[in-house]
Protein backbone atom coordinates (compact mmCIF):
# COMPACT_ATOMS: atom_id res chain seq x y z
CA MET A 1 13.41 16.93 -30.86
CA SER A 2 10.21 14.67 -29.90
CA LEU A 3 10.38 11.49 -29.01
CA ARG A 4 7.53 8.34 -29.87
CA PHE A 5 6.96 6.40 -27.29
CA ARG A 6 5.14 2.64 -28.72
CA SER A 7 1.90 2.44 -26.50
CA ILE A 8 0.69 -0.41 -24.95
CA PRO A 9 -3.26 -1.46 -24.89
CA ALA A 10 -5.24 -0.47 -22.47
CA MET A 11 -5.47 -1.12 -18.59
CA LYS A 12 -2.27 -3.33 -19.22
CA ALA A 13 -1.49 -0.07 -20.88
CA ALA A 14 1.31 2.47 -21.74
CA PHE A 15 3.46 1.67 -18.66
CA PHE A 16 6.69 3.06 -19.87
CA VAL A 17 9.89 1.50 -18.11
CA ILE A 18 13.12 3.23 -17.98
CA PRO A 19 15.95 0.58 -16.75
CA ALA A 20 17.54 1.88 -13.37
CA LEU A 21 21.18 4.44 -14.57
CA LEU A 22 23.98 4.60 -12.57
CA GLY A 23 25.30 7.85 -11.76
CA THR A 24 26.66 10.56 -9.07
CA GLY A 25 24.34 13.33 -9.97
CA VAL A 26 26.89 15.44 -10.04
CA GLY A 27 26.38 18.61 -12.53
CA ILE A 28 28.47 20.45 -14.29
CA ASN A 29 30.41 23.47 -12.38
CA PRO A 30 29.04 27.05 -13.70
CA ALA A 31 32.68 28.13 -13.62
CA ILE A 32 33.77 26.05 -16.63
CA ALA A 33 31.84 28.65 -18.58
CA ALA A 34 33.73 31.47 -18.04
CA ASP A 35 37.33 29.45 -17.85
CA ALA A 36 37.97 28.54 -21.32
CA THR A 37 41.19 26.22 -20.09
CA VAL A 38 38.84 24.00 -17.85
CA SER A 39 37.02 21.12 -19.75
CA ALA A 40 33.24 20.88 -19.82
CA ILE A 41 34.07 17.42 -19.86
CA ASP A 42 36.48 16.14 -17.69
CA GLY A 43 34.44 15.20 -14.40
CA ASN A 44 31.17 16.19 -15.95
CA GLY A 45 28.45 14.19 -13.95
CA THR A 46 25.72 14.59 -16.61
CA ARG A 47 23.83 11.44 -17.09
CA VAL A 48 22.32 10.43 -20.50
CA LEU A 49 19.62 8.43 -21.25
CA ASP A 50 19.00 6.35 -24.64
CA ALA A 51 15.82 7.15 -25.53
CA SER A 52 15.70 4.22 -28.31
CA ASP A 53 16.40 2.14 -24.60
CA LEU A 54 13.25 2.70 -23.75
CA THR A 55 10.78 -0.41 -23.60
CA GLY A 56 7.34 -1.73 -22.48
CA MET A 57 5.89 -3.87 -19.90
CA ASP A 58 6.55 -6.94 -21.99
CA ALA A 59 9.99 -6.16 -21.75
CA LEU A 60 10.23 -5.65 -18.16
CA LEU A 61 8.37 -9.05 -17.90
CA ALA A 62 10.98 -10.88 -19.80
CA LYS A 63 13.49 -9.74 -17.61
CA LEU A 64 11.69 -10.29 -14.17
CA ALA A 65 11.15 -14.43 -15.45
CA ASP A 66 14.11 -15.47 -13.55
CA ARG A 67 13.87 -13.72 -10.69
CA ARG A 68 12.81 -15.13 -7.50
CA VAL A 69 11.48 -12.20 -5.74
CA VAL A 70 9.92 -9.47 -7.36
CA PHE A 71 9.15 -6.24 -5.46
CA VAL A 72 7.00 -3.80 -6.61
CA GLY A 73 7.12 -0.29 -4.79
CA GLU A 74 4.07 1.48 -4.48
CA GLN A 75 2.84 5.05 -3.31
CA HIS A 76 -0.59 3.60 -1.05
CA ASP A 77 -2.65 5.96 -2.91
CA ARG A 78 -1.66 6.33 -6.67
CA TYR A 79 -3.89 4.47 -8.52
CA ALA A 80 -1.09 4.09 -11.39
CA ASP A 81 1.07 1.98 -9.12
CA HIS A 82 -1.30 -0.97 -8.50
CA LEU A 83 -2.30 -1.01 -12.28
CA ASN A 84 1.24 -1.76 -12.72
CA GLN A 85 1.53 -4.09 -9.59
CA LEU A 86 -1.26 -6.25 -11.53
CA ALA A 87 0.24 -5.80 -15.02
CA ILE A 88 3.30 -7.50 -13.46
CA ILE A 89 1.29 -10.31 -11.44
CA GLU A 90 -0.83 -10.99 -14.49
CA GLY A 91 2.26 -11.16 -16.97
CA LEU A 92 4.31 -13.73 -14.65
CA HIS A 93 1.41 -15.75 -14.18
CA ALA A 94 0.67 -15.68 -18.63
CA ARG A 95 4.35 -17.01 -18.63
CA GLY A 96 3.46 -19.77 -16.86
CA LYS A 97 5.00 -19.26 -14.05
CA SER A 98 4.13 -20.38 -10.08
CA ILE A 99 3.84 -17.22 -8.19
CA ALA A 100 2.55 -15.66 -4.66
CA ILE A 101 1.78 -12.20 -3.96
CA GLY A 102 3.46 -10.80 -0.65
CA LEU A 103 1.03 -7.48 0.97
CA GLU A 104 2.47 -5.37 2.74
CA PHE A 105 -1.48 -3.96 4.56
CA PHE A 106 -2.58 -7.71 5.50
CA GLN A 107 -1.00 -8.72 8.82
CA GLN A 108 0.38 -12.15 9.89
CA PRO A 109 -2.42 -12.93 12.07
CA PHE A 110 -5.01 -12.83 9.70
CA GLN A 111 -3.68 -15.02 7.10
CA GLN A 112 -6.20 -17.90 7.61
CA ASP A 113 -8.65 -15.22 6.35
CA VAL A 114 -6.31 -14.34 3.57
CA ASP A 115 -6.51 -18.02 2.26
CA ASP A 116 -10.33 -18.41 3.11
CA TYR A 117 -11.18 -15.21 0.72
CA VAL A 118 -8.62 -16.65 -2.20
CA GLU A 119 -9.82 -20.40 -1.54
CA GLY A 120 -13.58 -19.15 -2.39
CA LYS A 121 -14.53 -20.08 0.99
CA ILE A 122 -16.01 -16.68 2.01
CA ASP A 123 -16.99 -13.68 0.25
CA GLU A 124 -15.49 -10.12 -0.23
CA ALA A 125 -17.62 -8.24 2.97
CA ASP A 126 -16.50 -10.99 5.17
CA PHE A 127 -13.02 -11.09 3.84
CA LEU A 128 -12.72 -7.43 4.42
CA ARG A 129 -14.40 -7.68 8.00
CA ARG A 130 -12.27 -11.15 9.25
CA THR A 131 -9.04 -9.04 8.09
CA GLN A 132 -9.97 -6.00 9.93
CA TYR A 133 -8.45 -4.44 6.36
CA PHE A 134 -10.54 -0.88 7.57
CA ASP A 135 -9.36 -0.17 11.23
CA ARG A 136 -5.82 -1.61 9.99
CA TRP A 137 -5.02 0.16 6.75
CA ARG A 138 -7.82 2.30 5.47
CA TYR A 139 -6.79 3.48 2.14
CA ASP A 140 -9.68 3.17 0.10
CA TYR A 141 -10.28 -0.54 -0.97
CA ARG A 142 -11.02 -0.05 -4.73
CA LEU A 143 -7.14 0.14 -5.11
CA TYR A 144 -6.09 -3.37 -4.34
CA ARG A 145 -9.44 -4.90 -5.38
CA PRO A 146 -8.75 -5.96 -8.60
CA ILE A 147 -5.08 -7.44 -7.48
CA LEU A 148 -7.12 -9.67 -4.80
CA GLN A 149 -9.98 -10.61 -7.23
CA PHE A 150 -7.08 -11.67 -9.61
CA ALA A 151 -5.29 -13.92 -6.86
CA ARG A 152 -8.89 -15.44 -6.06
CA GLU A 153 -9.91 -15.88 -9.89
CA HIS A 154 -6.85 -17.92 -10.09
CA ARG A 155 -5.74 -19.37 -6.86
CA ILE A 156 -2.80 -17.28 -6.13
CA PRO A 157 -1.65 -17.26 -3.04
CA VAL A 158 -1.93 -14.18 -0.77
CA ILE A 159 0.78 -13.70 1.66
CA ALA A 160 0.31 -11.68 4.85
CA LEU A 161 3.77 -10.02 5.49
CA ASN A 162 3.48 -7.53 8.53
CA LEU A 163 3.59 -7.95 12.45
CA GLU A 164 0.13 -6.91 13.44
CA SER A 165 -0.35 -3.33 14.39
CA GLU A 166 -0.69 -3.78 18.07
CA LEU A 167 2.85 -5.07 18.57
CA THR A 168 4.26 -1.83 16.28
CA ARG A 169 1.99 0.28 18.13
CA LYS A 170 3.57 -0.70 21.46
CA VAL A 171 7.22 -0.43 20.12
CA GLY A 172 6.78 2.83 19.01
CA ASP A 173 5.58 4.03 22.80
CA ALA A 174 8.12 2.00 24.75
CA GLY A 175 10.41 0.60 22.35
CA ILE A 176 11.39 -2.95 21.84
CA ASP A 177 12.67 -3.02 25.51
CA GLY A 178 9.13 -1.99 26.29
CA LEU A 179 7.72 -5.62 24.96
CA SER A 180 6.66 -8.94 27.18
CA ASP A 181 8.32 -12.01 26.57
CA GLU A 182 5.04 -13.43 24.84
CA GLU A 183 5.17 -10.14 22.44
CA ARG A 184 8.79 -10.93 22.16
CA ALA A 185 8.47 -14.27 20.98
CA ARG A 186 6.38 -12.88 17.86
CA ILE A 187 8.74 -10.40 16.65
CA PRO A 188 12.22 -11.62 14.61
CA ALA A 189 15.27 -12.98 16.89
CA GLN A 190 17.81 -11.52 14.59
CA MET A 191 17.43 -8.04 13.76
CA ASP A 192 20.36 -5.72 11.62
CA ARG A 193 20.61 -2.35 12.80
CA GLU A 194 24.01 -1.46 11.92
CA ASP A 195 23.47 -0.22 8.28
CA PRO A 196 24.12 3.51 8.89
CA ALA A 197 22.88 4.30 5.19
CA TYR A 198 19.33 2.65 6.25
CA ARG A 199 19.57 4.42 10.18
CA ALA A 200 20.07 8.22 8.02
CA ARG A 201 17.36 7.41 5.75
CA ILE A 202 14.78 6.50 8.76
CA GLU A 203 15.81 9.52 10.27
CA ARG A 204 15.31 11.63 7.30
CA VAL A 205 11.92 10.41 7.55
CA PHE A 206 11.56 11.00 11.11
CA ARG A 207 12.47 15.16 10.88
CA HIS A 208 9.78 15.49 8.51
CA HIS A 209 7.28 14.83 10.67
CA PRO A 210 5.69 17.67 12.69
CA ALA A 211 7.90 18.94 15.82
CA ASP A 212 4.95 17.73 18.21
CA GLN A 213 5.21 14.51 16.90
CA GLN A 214 8.95 14.07 16.69
CA ARG A 215 8.92 12.13 20.46
CA ASP A 216 11.58 9.73 20.49
CA PHE A 217 13.60 8.89 17.37
CA ASP A 218 14.68 5.34 18.91
CA HIS A 219 11.39 4.08 19.07
CA PHE A 220 10.03 5.32 15.64
CA PHE A 221 13.21 3.53 14.12
CA GLU A 222 12.44 0.50 15.86
CA VAL A 223 9.27 0.52 14.33
CA GLN A 224 10.47 1.19 11.17
CA LEU A 225 13.02 -1.86 11.51
CA LEU A 226 10.54 -4.25 13.13
CA TRP A 227 8.37 -3.89 9.86
CA ASP A 228 11.12 -4.51 7.63
CA GLU A 229 12.67 -7.46 9.40
CA GLY A 230 9.18 -8.59 10.11
CA MET A 231 7.98 -8.90 6.61
CA ALA A 232 11.40 -10.32 5.30
CA GLU A 233 11.21 -13.00 7.66
CA ARG A 234 7.59 -13.83 6.67
CA ALA A 235 8.74 -13.59 3.13
CA ALA A 236 11.73 -15.64 3.71
CA ALA A 237 10.16 -18.53 5.36
CA TYR A 238 7.21 -18.87 2.40
CA LEU A 239 10.20 -18.98 -0.09
CA GLU A 240 11.87 -21.77 1.59
CA GLN A 241 8.71 -23.64 2.01
CA ASN A 242 7.59 -23.28 -1.54
CA PRO A 243 11.20 -23.33 -3.80
CA GLU A 244 9.62 -23.39 -7.22
CA THR A 245 7.44 -20.07 -6.48
CA THR A 246 8.31 -16.79 -7.34
CA LEU A 247 7.33 -14.44 -4.98
CA VAL A 248 6.10 -10.28 -6.02
CA VAL A 249 6.25 -8.49 -3.00
CA LEU A 250 3.61 -5.06 -3.09
CA THR A 251 4.78 -2.51 -0.68
CA GLY A 252 5.51 1.43 -0.06
CA GLY A 253 8.11 1.83 -1.79
CA GLY A 254 9.88 3.25 1.21
CA HIS A 255 10.47 -0.13 2.08
CA VAL A 256 12.49 -1.41 -0.72
CA GLU A 257 14.14 1.58 -2.24
CA TYR A 258 17.75 1.46 -2.24
CA GLY A 259 17.29 -2.41 -1.19
CA GLN A 260 17.86 -1.14 2.73
CA GLY A 261 14.46 -2.36 3.85
CA ILE A 262 12.81 -5.41 3.27
CA PRO A 263 15.05 -6.68 0.23
CA LYS A 264 18.60 -6.79 2.00
CA ARG A 265 16.95 -8.29 5.13
CA LEU A 266 15.56 -11.02 2.94
CA MET A 267 18.39 -11.57 1.15
CA ARG A 268 20.18 -12.18 4.64
CA ARG A 269 17.76 -15.06 5.34
CA GLN A 270 17.49 -16.53 1.85
CA ARG A 271 19.95 -15.63 -1.16
CA VAL A 272 17.71 -15.64 -4.39
CA PRO A 273 17.79 -13.31 -7.44
CA MET A 274 15.46 -9.99 -6.70
CA ALA A 275 14.79 -7.07 -8.63
CA ILE A 276 12.92 -3.87 -7.33
CA VAL A 277 10.60 -1.76 -9.53
CA LEU A 278 9.83 1.79 -8.71
CA ASN A 279 7.72 4.37 -10.49
CA GLY A 280 10.07 6.91 -11.72
CA GLN A 281 8.04 10.08 -11.71
CA ASN A 282 9.51 13.11 -9.71
CA ARG A 283 12.47 11.24 -9.26
CA GLU A 284 15.74 10.72 -10.44
CA PRO A 285 16.29 7.46 -12.15
CA ASP A 286 18.92 6.28 -9.79
CA GLY A 287 20.60 3.09 -10.58
CA ALA A 288 21.15 2.33 -6.78
CA ALA A 289 17.60 2.86 -5.91
CA ALA A 290 15.71 0.43 -8.13
CA ASP A 291 16.42 -2.38 -11.04
CA PHE A 292 13.47 -0.45 -13.20
CA PHE A 293 11.93 3.01 -13.34
CA LEU A 294 8.25 2.78 -14.05
CA TYR A 295 6.30 5.64 -16.04
CA PRO A 296 2.92 5.47 -16.31
CA PRO A 297 0.23 7.83 -17.41
CA GLU A 298 -1.76 9.45 -15.28
CA VAL A 299 -5.02 7.29 -13.81
CA GLU A 300 -7.51 8.49 -11.28
CA LEU A 301 -10.10 5.81 -9.18
CA PRO A 302 -13.21 6.77 -10.54
CA PRO A 303 -15.24 9.42 -7.57
CA SER A 304 -16.65 7.38 -5.00
CA GLY A 305 -20.51 7.97 -3.51
CA MET A 306 -20.24 9.67 -0.25
CA LEU A 307 -22.84 10.31 2.43
CA GLY A 308 -21.67 13.38 3.54
CA VAL A 309 -21.47 11.76 7.47
CA MET A 310 -18.26 12.37 9.87
CA LEU A 311 -18.84 9.47 12.36
CA SER A 312 -17.75 8.49 15.63
CA SER A 313 -14.21 6.89 16.22
CA ASP A 314 -15.95 5.49 19.53
CA ALA A 315 -17.66 2.05 19.77
CA ASP A 316 -20.59 1.95 21.88
CA GLU A 317 -21.15 -1.74 22.53
CA ASP A 318 -24.27 -0.88 24.64
CA LYS A 319 -25.62 0.77 21.42
CA PRO A 320 -26.69 -0.05 18.39
CA GLY A 321 -24.79 1.10 14.87
CA ILE A 322 -22.44 3.76 14.53
CA ARG A 323 -22.86 7.60 15.90
CA ILE A 324 -23.20 10.73 13.04
CA GLU A 325 -20.86 13.63 14.84
CA GLY A 326 -21.72 16.04 11.75
CA PHE A 327 -22.01 16.64 8.49
CA ALA A 328 -19.95 18.01 5.48
CA GLN A 329 -20.79 21.17 4.08
CA THR A 330 -22.15 19.42 1.24
CA SER A 331 -24.28 16.25 2.74
CA GLY A 332 -27.18 14.19 0.96
CA ALA A 333 -27.51 12.60 4.76
CA LYS A 334 -27.99 15.75 5.95
CA ALA A 335 -30.33 17.21 2.95
CA ALA A 336 -32.27 14.06 3.36
CA GLY A 337 -33.05 14.34 6.87
CA LEU A 338 -30.74 12.71 9.32
CA GLU A 339 -29.71 14.44 12.10
CA SER A 340 -26.52 14.27 14.38
CA GLY A 341 -26.65 11.77 17.20
CA ASP A 342 -28.88 9.73 14.67
CA ARG A 343 -26.90 5.99 14.78
CA ILE A 344 -26.34 4.09 11.89
CA VAL A 345 -27.74 0.81 11.69
CA ARG A 346 -28.48 -0.25 7.79
CA ILE A 347 -26.98 1.19 4.68
CA GLY A 348 -29.01 -0.86 1.77
CA ALA A 349 -28.74 -4.54 2.39
CA HIS A 350 -25.84 -4.35 5.22
CA SER A 351 -26.35 -4.14 8.93
CA ILE A 352 -24.14 -1.59 10.35
CA THR A 353 -22.49 -2.08 13.58
CA GLY A 354 -18.99 -0.01 13.39
CA TYR A 355 -16.81 2.12 11.13
CA ALA A 356 -16.03 -0.90 8.64
CA ASP A 357 -19.08 -2.13 7.98
CA VAL A 358 -20.22 1.62 6.44
CA ARG A 359 -16.96 1.05 4.36
CA ILE A 360 -17.91 -2.33 3.09
CA ALA A 361 -21.63 -1.11 2.59
CA MET A 362 -20.70 1.95 0.27
CA VAL A 363 -17.47 0.36 -1.49
CA ASP A 364 -19.33 0.23 -4.83
CA ALA A 365 -21.25 3.29 -4.15
CA GLU A 366 -20.94 5.93 -6.87
CA PRO A 367 -22.07 9.86 -6.76
CA ASP A 368 -26.03 10.22 -7.79
CA ASP A 369 -26.62 6.57 -6.55
CA LEU A 370 -30.09 6.42 -3.99
CA VAL A 371 -29.11 5.06 -1.16
CA SER A 372 -31.64 3.68 2.07
CA VAL A 373 -30.48 4.72 5.61
CA GLU A 374 -32.15 3.57 8.13
CA VAL A 375 -31.38 5.29 11.47
CA VAL A 376 -31.93 4.67 15.37
CA ARG A 377 -32.62 8.58 16.47
CA GLU A 378 -32.58 8.57 20.56
CA TYR A 379 -34.91 11.09 22.35
CA VAL A 380 -34.48 12.74 26.02
CA LEU A 381 -38.07 11.54 26.68
CA GLY A 382 -39.77 8.71 25.07
CA SER A 383 -38.69 5.73 23.41
CA ASP A 384 -35.69 5.30 20.84
CA GLU A 385 -37.29 5.40 17.23
CA HIS A 386 -35.81 3.96 13.54
CA LYS A 387 -36.41 6.00 11.13
CA THR A 388 -35.35 5.40 7.11
CA PHE A 389 -34.10 7.77 4.75
CA GLU A 390 -33.42 7.79 0.56
CA VAL A 391 -30.26 9.79 0.47
CA ARG A 392 -28.79 10.87 -2.72
CA LEU A 393 -24.95 10.51 -2.49
CA HIS A 394 -22.41 13.29 -3.60
């Protein structure tokens, strides 16, 4: 038996949606086959998905239109998830909904910088520097770029949801009790620690870390809790201030599945209609996990052009640029004549002062591009020398 799926125009494309199904996941007891007196129907835990119920993005958007909050979970490096997120944002906007986009990967102290980009006051490079995107998130910016460009084009508010990493890093080391009074004032005053299912799920994640990273589960738990409560509090405040707006929240799937992370904590603050949307690939369609599952086709970002260098993680304020520590096995930079110890000070038209500048300069680079790279080469005896190389990217 074959199933035919209705295709949807490309780019917004072929994202098939399966409404969540309830069920226990209990299978058939193999002993049934050996005992003719036992019914194969009684207690049968098999779940059935009716192929005639398969729908597409238009049907999903119609069902999301009356929700105040739509959580669209992601695997951060899966491009198909971000295309789905954009499709939902585009679709709700096209239906005349007043929407805002809440993002996990921007931290709350940088809200003004996000606003300035969306409002057209600063360009993309300045936006990435000011939000410290490549220092605080580091995933390929091209994954999220179409969403942010759409928001800028249509002046859709983008909300920085997350607490600053300085707070969560300190909690990871010393726990919430280790925060100063000033730091405590920047975290949610009320946090729900009493959900055993939430704690058990966080503990399962913790146990999957390498043994040498399993230091203090209570501190690990408090970091996760702080992320979820902090994002929920920020989202709730925005909803209260903007009662006619639908908030589309883009965050890692683990923060929204089963409603245990952000959704439950947001609902505690603002009782509004919500929906959870997750990628359904490689998981059972469990109705407790999400309201809708998406099954997109495989799609990858085009490869990015690479210099083939390993860069120092330590900034040296007394010296220009960023130091080359070594080279990849296949390196256009090494082939062009760059050496370990050289300090990159310019790539194309971009001045380089640190790691983020390199990522910004290379964001549109493609394999086989020829890029001008200026370095400062230091000598034990004599003056430093500025040298420029034409590097063929791999």
